[in-house]
Amino acid sequence: MKKINNNDKLHVLIMPSWYKSPEEPVLGTFFEEQARALQNEGYSVGIIYPEYTPPGVLFMKDNKEFNDFYMDKGIPTFHIRATAGIPKLRRLSYRYYSKSVRNVFDNYVETFGKPDIIHAHSVFHAGIAGFHIAKTNKIPFVITEHLTAYLMGYINNRIDIEMAREIFHYSDSSIIVSHNFRNDLEKQLSLEPNTFRVIHNLVNDLFFRSYTPKKYTPGETFNFFTNSFLLPRKNIGLIIHAIKILTDKKYEVSLAIGGDGPEEDKLRNLVNELDLNKQIQFTGKLWREEVKRELDKCHSFVLASQYETFGVVLIESLACGRPVVCTNSGGPLDFVHPDQGIIVEEHSAEELAAGMEKIISGYNDYDQKAMINYCRQHFNEQKIAGEIIKLYKGVLSSRLAVPS
């Protein structure tokens, strides 16, 4: 391919650890939205998505290595599926994986030029490849961590923890998406305080484009909505049990469950067991426009996660003027205040139902336009992109100030 000039625009290469694909078209939506926000600010943006495949998985049917390239509305996008290589030899496996990604990076540079900065999202696993590429090519390196897995006990291998610490220490700047997640992760990994800089996630402008006022009249059906990957840590079953409690108390309520995932069959069976098929509907996987429509239809959004690094679905709800009910799960403490909804301290169906009942009884006291303005002020695309750009410029200035 012929090399493309990027003129004098700052050139950012984004490396997400998960991203959309034909099989998973809504995966990693916020990575694309952040890339679009930078693109809208005049930056030259490229994406390499190095899908990590554990040793042995590549030998399974329909899961072979591949390397794909496409232009996505002005953003050159590479998707590579690469194996970690060698079971049980973790560091060597990660180097093998990074070497495969480096080959794609070389192709990227040949065509689009060398990026001014590499911004990886999550150490596992794009951050590992990004770290090796940035170090080898002496490119400024930024990483944002999003994974709850550190705090949920899923990342507990000594080498993995050492790798994460090494990457956070090496990076020119390490970003995290909420203050509570920063404090929890620094403690979990024994990092120095303020290793991370907090930059919140953004709300796509789509959620600000229209506003549907919503009032509640006692006696009518109160509509709740939740949307997530249907994973155990999302605790959707807790919401279903809370709906059962409310219906037993003679509340007219409904719940729409957006998303899909490994828990779907189990959750459908629970709805059947509790005889809630009239009250609860599964919408399946939702595109962004469909999420917006569901938010406009509902009265309130409910989230019962064990832990959230931030909670994008909550700010999307507030951006539509919908108060939220959520469990005390870390990230939401940054922005869910009494004027925006209710944080339930105990992860129990009884406490969650009590919080939902409070939302119902006090619904018309919430100032929906004030919620929208709060979100627009704190989480709009231009503001968050501006914070990231300011960080990039600080990183580049620091690099220039250090003798090579």
Protein backbone atom coordinates (compact mmCIF):
# COMPACT_ATOMS: atom_id res chain seq x y z
CA MET A 1 0.00 0.00 0.00
CA LYS A 2 1.14 3.53 -0.71
CA LYS A 3 2.20 5.60 2.29
CA ILE A 4 -0.35 8.20 3.38
CA ASN A 5 0.76 11.59 4.69
CA ASN A 6 -0.81 12.79 7.94
CA ASN A 7 0.41 16.39 7.50
CA ASP A 8 1.09 18.12 10.83
CA LYS A 9 -1.82 16.62 12.76
CA LEU A 10 -0.96 14.71 15.89
CA HIS A 11 -1.11 11.03 15.03
CA VAL A 12 -2.51 8.69 17.69
CA LEU A 13 -2.55 4.91 17.44
CA ILE A 14 -5.21 3.34 19.68
CA MET A 15 -4.81 -0.29 20.74
CA PRO A 16 -7.93 -1.66 22.49
CA SER A 17 -7.95 -5.03 24.24
CA TRP A 18 -11.46 -5.72 22.93
CA TYR A 19 -13.24 -4.14 19.98
CA LYS A 20 -16.09 -4.55 17.55
CA SER A 21 -16.01 -7.25 14.89
CA PRO A 22 -18.59 -8.83 12.55
CA GLU A 23 -19.26 -11.41 15.29
CA GLU A 24 -19.42 -8.81 18.11
CA PRO A 25 -20.56 -5.53 16.50
CA VAL A 26 -21.18 -3.64 19.76
CA LEU A 27 -18.08 -4.79 21.65
CA GLY A 28 -15.80 -1.99 22.87
CA THR A 29 -18.16 0.76 21.76
CA PHE A 30 -16.55 3.35 24.06
CA PHE A 31 -13.12 2.78 22.46
CA GLU A 32 -14.52 3.70 19.07
CA GLU A 33 -16.40 6.66 20.53
CA GLN A 34 -13.19 7.99 22.10
CA ALA A 35 -11.37 7.54 18.78
CA ARG A 36 -14.16 9.42 16.98
CA ALA A 37 -13.99 12.23 19.53
CA LEU A 38 -10.24 12.64 18.86
CA GLN A 39 -10.89 12.44 15.13
CA ASN A 40 -13.51 15.19 15.44
CA GLU A 41 -10.90 17.37 17.17
CA GLY A 42 -8.70 17.11 14.08
CA TYR A 43 -6.40 14.31 15.20
CA SER A 44 -5.18 11.56 12.89
CA VAL A 45 -6.32 8.31 14.50
CA GLY A 46 -5.60 4.68 13.72
CA ILE A 47 -6.63 1.47 15.47
CA ILE A 48 -4.86 -1.85 15.87
CA TYR A 49 -7.04 -4.37 17.68
CA PRO A 50 -4.76 -7.26 18.69
CA GLU A 51 -7.30 -9.88 19.74
CA TYR A 52 -5.59 -12.14 22.25
CA THR A 53 -6.10 -15.86 21.82
CA PRO A 54 -4.88 -18.21 24.56
CA PRO A 55 -2.63 -21.14 23.58
CA GLY A 56 -4.64 -24.05 22.23
CA VAL A 57 -7.74 -22.04 21.33
CA LEU A 58 -6.44 -21.32 17.83
CA PHE A 59 -6.58 -25.01 17.04
CA MET A 60 -10.30 -25.05 17.63
CA LYS A 61 -12.65 -24.97 14.66
CA ASP A 62 -13.39 -21.51 13.19
CA ASN A 63 -10.86 -19.78 15.43
CA LYS A 64 -7.73 -19.47 13.31
CA GLU A 65 -5.17 -16.68 13.21
CA PHE A 66 -6.07 -13.89 10.85
CA ASN A 67 -5.13 -10.33 9.96
CA ASP A 68 -7.78 -7.97 8.62
CA PHE A 69 -7.67 -4.32 7.52
CA TYR A 70 -10.46 -1.89 6.69
CA MET A 71 -11.09 1.85 6.61
CA ASP A 72 -13.83 2.69 9.10
CA LYS A 73 -15.17 6.17 8.28
CA GLY A 74 -11.69 7.62 8.01
CA ILE A 75 -10.06 5.50 10.72
CA PRO A 76 -7.63 2.85 9.44
CA THR A 77 -8.39 -0.27 11.45
CA PHE A 78 -6.34 -3.44 11.74
CA HIS A 79 -7.74 -6.51 13.48
CA ILE A 80 -5.27 -9.28 14.20
CA ARG A 81 -6.03 -12.50 16.04
CA ALA A 82 -2.78 -13.74 17.53
CA THR A 83 -1.93 -16.62 19.83
CA ALA A 84 -0.01 -16.21 23.08
CA GLY A 85 2.14 -19.07 21.85
CA ILE A 86 3.45 -21.31 24.62
CA PRO A 87 1.32 -22.65 27.48
CA LYS A 88 2.71 -22.15 31.01
CA LEU A 89 5.62 -19.94 29.81
CA ARG A 90 3.79 -16.69 30.34
CA ARG A 91 6.44 -14.07 29.66
CA LEU A 92 7.69 -15.89 26.57
CA SER A 93 4.12 -16.29 25.39
CA TYR A 94 3.44 -12.57 25.76
CA ARG A 95 6.59 -11.78 23.76
CA TYR A 96 5.47 -14.18 21.05
CA TYR A 97 2.06 -12.50 20.98
CA SER A 98 3.66 -9.03 20.88
CA LYS A 99 5.91 -10.05 17.99
CA SER A 100 2.84 -10.98 15.92
CA VAL A 101 1.32 -7.58 16.70
CA ARG A 102 4.61 -5.81 15.86
CA ASN A 103 4.41 -7.23 12.34
CA VAL A 104 1.03 -5.56 11.91
CA PHE A 105 2.39 -2.35 13.44
CA ASP A 106 5.21 -2.32 10.86
CA ASN A 107 2.63 -2.62 8.11
CA TYR A 108 0.64 0.19 9.68
CA VAL A 109 3.70 2.48 9.81
CA GLU A 110 4.66 1.69 6.22
CA THR A 111 1.23 2.82 5.07
CA PHE A 112 0.12 5.53 7.50
CA GLY A 113 3.35 6.71 9.09
CA LYS A 114 4.79 6.36 12.56
CA PRO A 115 2.35 7.49 15.27
CA ASP A 116 3.30 10.29 17.66
CA ILE A 117 1.78 8.40 20.57
CA ILE A 118 0.40 4.92 21.31
CA HIS A 119 -2.65 4.73 23.57
CA ALA A 120 -3.50 1.21 24.73
CA HIS A 121 -6.63 0.25 26.62
CA SER A 122 -6.06 -2.35 29.38
CA VAL A 123 -2.85 -4.20 30.06
CA PHE A 124 -4.45 -7.54 29.18
CA HIS A 125 -3.73 -7.86 26.43
CA ALA A 126 -3.34 -4.96 24.01
CA GLY A 127 -1.36 -3.07 26.65
CA ILE A 128 1.32 -5.77 26.63
CA ALA A 129 1.79 -5.54 22.86
CA GLY A 130 1.59 -1.73 22.93
CA PHE A 131 4.22 -1.60 25.68
CA HIS A 132 6.71 -3.72 23.70
CA ILE A 133 6.08 -1.79 20.47
CA ALA A 134 6.38 1.61 22.14
CA LYS A 135 9.55 0.62 23.98
CA THR A 136 11.22 -0.84 20.88
CA ASN A 137 10.32 2.14 18.68
CA LYS A 138 10.79 4.83 21.36
CA ILE A 139 7.23 6.08 20.96
CA PRO A 140 5.42 7.82 23.86
CA PHE A 141 3.05 5.36 25.50
CA VAL A 142 -0.21 5.93 27.38
CA ILE A 143 -2.43 3.26 28.89
CA THR A 144 -5.96 3.37 30.27
CA GLU A 145 -7.00 0.53 32.57
CA HIS A 146 -10.63 -0.62 32.53
CA LEU A 147 -10.60 -4.19 33.85
CA THR A 148 -12.47 -5.19 36.97
CA ALA A 149 -10.66 -8.54 36.82
CA TYR A 150 -7.88 -7.34 39.15
CA LEU A 151 -10.39 -6.67 41.91
CA MET A 152 -12.61 -9.68 41.21
CA GLY A 153 -9.67 -12.06 41.65
CA TYR A 154 -9.44 -13.19 38.02
CA ILE A 155 -5.98 -11.68 37.51
CA ASN A 156 -3.92 -13.28 40.23
CA ASN A 157 -0.94 -14.89 38.51
CA ARG A 158 2.34 -13.50 39.88
CA ILE A 159 3.79 -12.87 36.41
CA ASP A 160 0.62 -11.10 35.27
CA ILE A 161 0.67 -8.83 38.30
CA GLU A 162 4.37 -8.09 37.76
CA MET A 163 3.67 -7.37 34.09
CA ALA A 164 0.87 -4.93 34.98
CA ARG A 165 3.07 -3.10 37.49
CA GLU A 166 5.92 -2.89 34.96
CA ILE A 167 3.66 -1.44 32.28
CA PHE A 168 2.04 1.11 34.59
CA HIS A 169 5.49 2.23 35.79
CA TYR A 170 6.93 2.41 32.26
CA SER A 171 4.05 4.33 30.67
CA ASP A 172 4.38 8.05 30.12
CA SER A 173 0.93 8.33 31.69
CA SER A 174 -1.48 5.78 33.15
CA ILE A 175 -5.17 6.70 33.03
CA ILE A 176 -8.04 5.24 34.99
CA VAL A 177 -11.74 6.01 34.67
CA SER A 178 -12.84 6.73 38.25
CA HIS A 179 -11.39 7.80 41.59
CA ASN A 180 -12.63 4.74 43.47
CA PHE A 181 -11.19 2.39 40.86
CA ARG A 182 -7.89 4.27 41.08
CA ASN A 183 -7.72 3.88 44.85
CA ASP A 184 -8.77 0.23 44.76
CA LEU A 185 -6.37 -0.77 41.98
CA GLU A 186 -3.38 1.09 43.45
CA LYS A 187 -3.98 -0.73 46.72
CA GLN A 188 -4.55 -4.10 45.03
CA LEU A 189 -1.32 -3.89 43.01
CA SER A 190 0.72 -2.10 45.73
CA LEU A 191 1.30 0.89 43.45
CA GLU A 192 2.29 4.35 44.59
CA PRO A 193 -0.66 6.68 45.30
CA ASN A 194 -1.70 8.66 42.23
CA THR A 195 0.02 6.27 39.84
CA PHE A 196 -3.07 6.88 37.72
CA ARG A 197 -4.69 10.04 36.45
CA VAL A 198 -8.49 9.97 36.40
CA ILE A 199 -10.19 10.76 33.11
CA HIS A 200 -13.83 9.70 33.01
CA ASN A 201 -15.54 7.98 30.12
CA LEU A 202 -17.58 10.10 27.74
CA VAL A 203 -21.22 10.13 26.67
CA ASN A 204 -21.83 9.78 22.96
CA ASP A 205 -23.53 12.88 21.54
CA LEU A 206 -26.35 10.59 20.36
CA PHE A 207 -27.75 10.57 23.90
CA PHE A 208 -28.00 14.38 23.99
CA ARG A 209 -29.70 14.85 20.61
CA SER A 210 -33.27 14.54 21.85
CA TYR A 211 -35.08 14.57 25.17
CA THR A 212 -38.32 12.75 25.98
CA PRO A 213 -39.84 14.06 29.26
CA LYS A 214 -41.17 11.34 31.52
CA LYS A 215 -43.66 11.60 34.36
CA TYR A 216 -45.16 8.93 36.57
CA THR A 217 -48.77 8.62 37.67
CA PRO A 218 -49.36 6.28 40.64
CA GLY A 219 -51.11 3.13 39.46
CA GLU A 220 -49.53 3.03 36.00
CA THR A 221 -46.71 0.64 35.13
CA PHE A 222 -43.28 1.90 36.16
CA ASN A 223 -40.73 0.81 33.56
CA PHE A 224 -37.19 -0.13 34.57
CA PHE A 225 -34.40 -0.82 32.10
CA THR A 226 -30.97 -2.42 32.41
CA ASN A 227 -28.36 -3.07 29.73
CA SER A 228 -25.09 -4.98 29.91
CA PHE A 229 -23.28 -8.11 28.89
CA LEU A 230 -25.09 -10.85 30.77
CA LEU A 231 -22.19 -11.91 32.98
CA PRO A 232 -22.22 -13.15 36.60
CA ARG A 233 -20.63 -9.97 37.98
CA LYS A 234 -23.46 -7.88 36.51
CA ASN A 235 -25.87 -9.49 39.01
CA ILE A 236 -28.91 -9.31 36.73
CA GLY A 237 -30.52 -12.03 38.86
CA LEU A 238 -30.55 -9.58 41.77
CA ILE A 239 -32.64 -7.17 39.70
CA ILE A 240 -35.04 -9.95 38.73
CA HIS A 241 -35.52 -10.90 42.39
CA ALA A 242 -36.08 -7.22 43.23
CA ILE A 243 -38.82 -7.05 40.58
CA LYS A 244 -40.42 -10.09 42.23
CA ILE A 245 -40.39 -8.32 45.60
CA LEU A 246 -42.04 -5.23 44.08
CA THR A 247 -44.74 -7.25 42.29
CA ASP A 248 -45.48 -9.14 45.52
CA LYS A 249 -46.01 -5.71 47.11
CA LYS A 250 -48.55 -5.00 44.34
CA TYR A 251 -46.43 -2.51 42.40
CA GLU A 252 -47.10 -2.42 38.67
CA VAL A 253 -43.54 -2.63 37.31
CA SER A 254 -41.77 -3.90 34.22
CA LEU A 255 -38.14 -4.57 33.40
CA ALA A 256 -36.46 -4.62 29.99
CA ILE A 257 -33.11 -6.46 30.00
CA GLY A 258 -30.79 -5.41 27.20
CA GLY A 259 -27.74 -7.39 26.11
CA ASP A 260 -26.69 -10.99 25.72
CA GLY A 261 -24.08 -13.27 27.23
CA PRO A 262 -23.40 -16.56 29.00
CA GLU A 263 -25.96 -15.92 31.78
CA GLU A 264 -28.92 -15.48 29.43
CA ASP A 265 -30.39 -18.99 29.67
CA LYS A 266 -30.00 -19.01 33.45
CA LEU A 267 -31.72 -15.63 33.73
CA ARG A 268 -34.58 -16.65 31.44
CA ASN A 269 -35.10 -19.75 33.58
CA LEU A 270 -35.18 -17.57 36.70
CA VAL A 271 -37.85 -15.34 35.16
CA ASN A 272 -39.91 -18.45 34.40
CA GLU A 273 -39.45 -19.85 37.91
CA LEU A 274 -40.60 -16.58 39.48
CA ASP A 275 -43.54 -16.30 37.06
CA LEU A 276 -42.41 -12.87 35.83
CA ASN A 277 -42.78 -13.35 32.09
CA LYS A 278 -45.40 -10.59 31.92
CA GLN A 279 -43.20 -8.16 33.81
CA ILE A 280 -39.75 -8.90 32.30
CA GLN A 281 -38.64 -8.90 28.68
CA PHE A 282 -35.25 -9.69 27.14
CA THR A 283 -34.43 -7.37 24.25
CA GLY A 284 -31.22 -9.07 23.13
CA LYS A 285 -28.11 -7.19 22.03
CA LEU A 286 -28.83 -3.50 21.41
CA TRP A 287 -27.21 -1.02 19.05
CA ARG A 288 -26.57 2.50 20.36
CA GLU A 289 -29.72 3.92 18.76
CA GLU A 290 -31.74 1.09 20.29
CA VAL A 291 -30.26 1.79 23.74
CA LYS A 292 -31.35 5.41 23.35
CA ARG A 293 -34.89 4.34 22.43
CA GLU A 294 -35.12 2.02 25.45
CA LEU A 295 -33.92 4.81 27.74
CA ASP A 296 -36.54 7.17 26.33
CA LYS A 297 -39.23 4.54 26.98
CA CYS A 298 -38.24 3.71 30.56
CA HIS A 299 -38.68 5.67 33.78
CA SER A 300 -35.42 4.60 35.42
CA PHE A 301 -32.24 2.62 34.76
CA VAL A 302 -31.11 -0.03 37.26
CA LEU A 303 -27.67 -1.60 37.65
CA ALA A 304 -26.68 -4.22 40.24
CA SER A 305 -23.02 -4.93 39.40
CA GLN A 306 -20.64 -6.35 41.96
CA TYR A 307 -18.01 -3.86 40.71
CA GLU A 308 -17.97 -1.16 38.03
CA THR A 309 -14.80 0.67 37.06
CA PHE A 310 -17.05 3.54 35.94
CA GLY A 311 -20.52 2.73 34.59
CA VAL A 312 -21.05 4.23 31.12
CA VAL A 313 -24.62 2.93 31.01
CA LEU A 314 -25.43 5.11 34.02
CA ILE A 315 -24.21 8.36 32.49
CA GLU A 316 -26.03 7.48 29.27
CA SER A 317 -29.19 7.17 31.34
CA LEU A 318 -28.62 10.49 33.08
CA ALA A 319 -27.94 12.08 29.69
CA CYS A 320 -31.49 11.08 28.74
CA GLY A 321 -32.91 12.50 31.97
CA ARG A 322 -33.50 9.14 33.62
CA PRO A 323 -32.67 8.74 37.33
CA VAL A 324 -30.75 5.59 38.21
CA VAL A 325 -30.73 2.94 40.91
CA CYS A 326 -27.42 1.13 41.36
CA THR A 327 -25.47 -0.90 43.87
CA ASN A 328 -22.41 0.56 45.58
CA SER A 329 -19.99 -0.82 43.02
CA GLY A 330 -17.07 1.63 43.02
CA GLY A 331 -17.06 3.79 39.89
CA PRO A 332 -20.63 5.17 40.14
CA LEU A 333 -19.72 6.93 43.40
CA ASP A 334 -17.93 9.51 41.24
CA PHE A 335 -21.12 10.83 39.69
CA VAL A 336 -24.36 9.33 41.07
CA HIS A 337 -25.51 11.92 43.60
CA PRO A 338 -28.91 12.20 45.33
CA ASP A 339 -30.14 14.48 42.54
CA GLN A 340 -29.35 11.75 39.98
CA GLY A 341 -30.67 8.67 41.74
CA ILE A 342 -29.99 6.17 44.50
CA ILE A 343 -26.94 4.10 45.41
CA VAL A 344 -27.87 0.96 47.34
CA GLU A 345 -25.21 -0.01 49.87
CA GLU A 346 -26.08 -3.70 50.29
CA HIS A 347 -25.95 -6.12 47.38
CA SER A 348 -29.26 -7.78 48.23
CA ALA A 349 -32.57 -8.05 46.42
CA GLU A 350 -34.38 -6.53 49.42
CA GLU A 351 -32.16 -3.43 49.50
CA LEU A 352 -32.25 -3.03 45.74
CA ALA A 353 -36.05 -3.32 45.74
CA ALA A 354 -36.18 -0.68 48.50
CA GLY A 355 -34.08 1.66 46.35
CA MET A 356 -36.30 1.04 43.34
CA GLU A 357 -39.36 1.73 45.50
CA LYS A 358 -37.86 5.09 46.53
CA ILE A 359 -37.30 6.00 42.89
CA ILE A 360 -40.94 5.19 42.14
CA SER A 361 -42.36 7.17 45.06
CA GLY A 362 -40.18 10.22 44.47
CA TYR A 363 -39.96 10.02 40.69
CA ASN A 364 -41.59 13.32 39.80
CA ASP A 365 -39.27 15.22 42.16
CA TYR A 366 -36.24 14.49 39.95
CA ASP A 367 -35.22 17.36 37.70
CA GLN A 368 -34.60 15.54 34.44
CA LYS A 369 -33.22 18.55 32.59
CA ALA A 370 -30.76 19.17 35.42
CA MET A 371 -29.49 15.58 35.01
CA ILE A 372 -28.97 16.18 31.30
CA ASN A 373 -27.12 19.43 31.91
CA TYR A 374 -24.93 17.75 34.55
CA CYS A 375 -23.93 15.05 32.07
CA ARG A 376 -23.41 17.51 29.25
CA GLN A 377 -21.15 19.60 31.48
CA HIS A 378 -19.03 16.73 32.82
CA PHE A 379 -19.03 13.93 30.24
CA ASN A 380 -19.59 15.37 26.77
CA GLU A 381 -17.27 14.24 23.96
CA GLN A 382 -15.47 17.58 23.59
CA LYS A 383 -14.67 17.84 27.30
CA ILE A 384 -13.29 14.32 27.67
CA ALA A 385 -11.40 14.52 24.36
CA GLY A 386 -9.94 17.83 25.56
CA GLU A 387 -8.66 16.21 28.75
CA ILE A 388 -7.05 13.39 26.77
CA ILE A 389 -5.48 15.81 24.29
CA LYS A 390 -4.09 17.90 27.13
CA LEU A 391 -2.54 14.75 28.59
CA TYR A 392 -1.05 13.78 25.20
CA LYS A 393 0.53 17.22 24.83
CA GLY A 394 1.97 17.00 28.35
CA VAL A 395 3.46 13.58 27.56
CA LEU A 396 5.03 14.81 24.33
CA SER A 397 6.41 17.94 26.01
CA SER A 398 7.97 15.82 28.76
CA ARG A 399 9.58 13.53 26.18
CA LEU A 400 11.08 16.50 24.34
CA ALA A 401 12.45 17.88 27.59
CA VAL A 402 14.34 14.66 28.38
CA PRO A 403 17.70 14.26 26.56
CA SER A 404 17.82 11.10 24.50
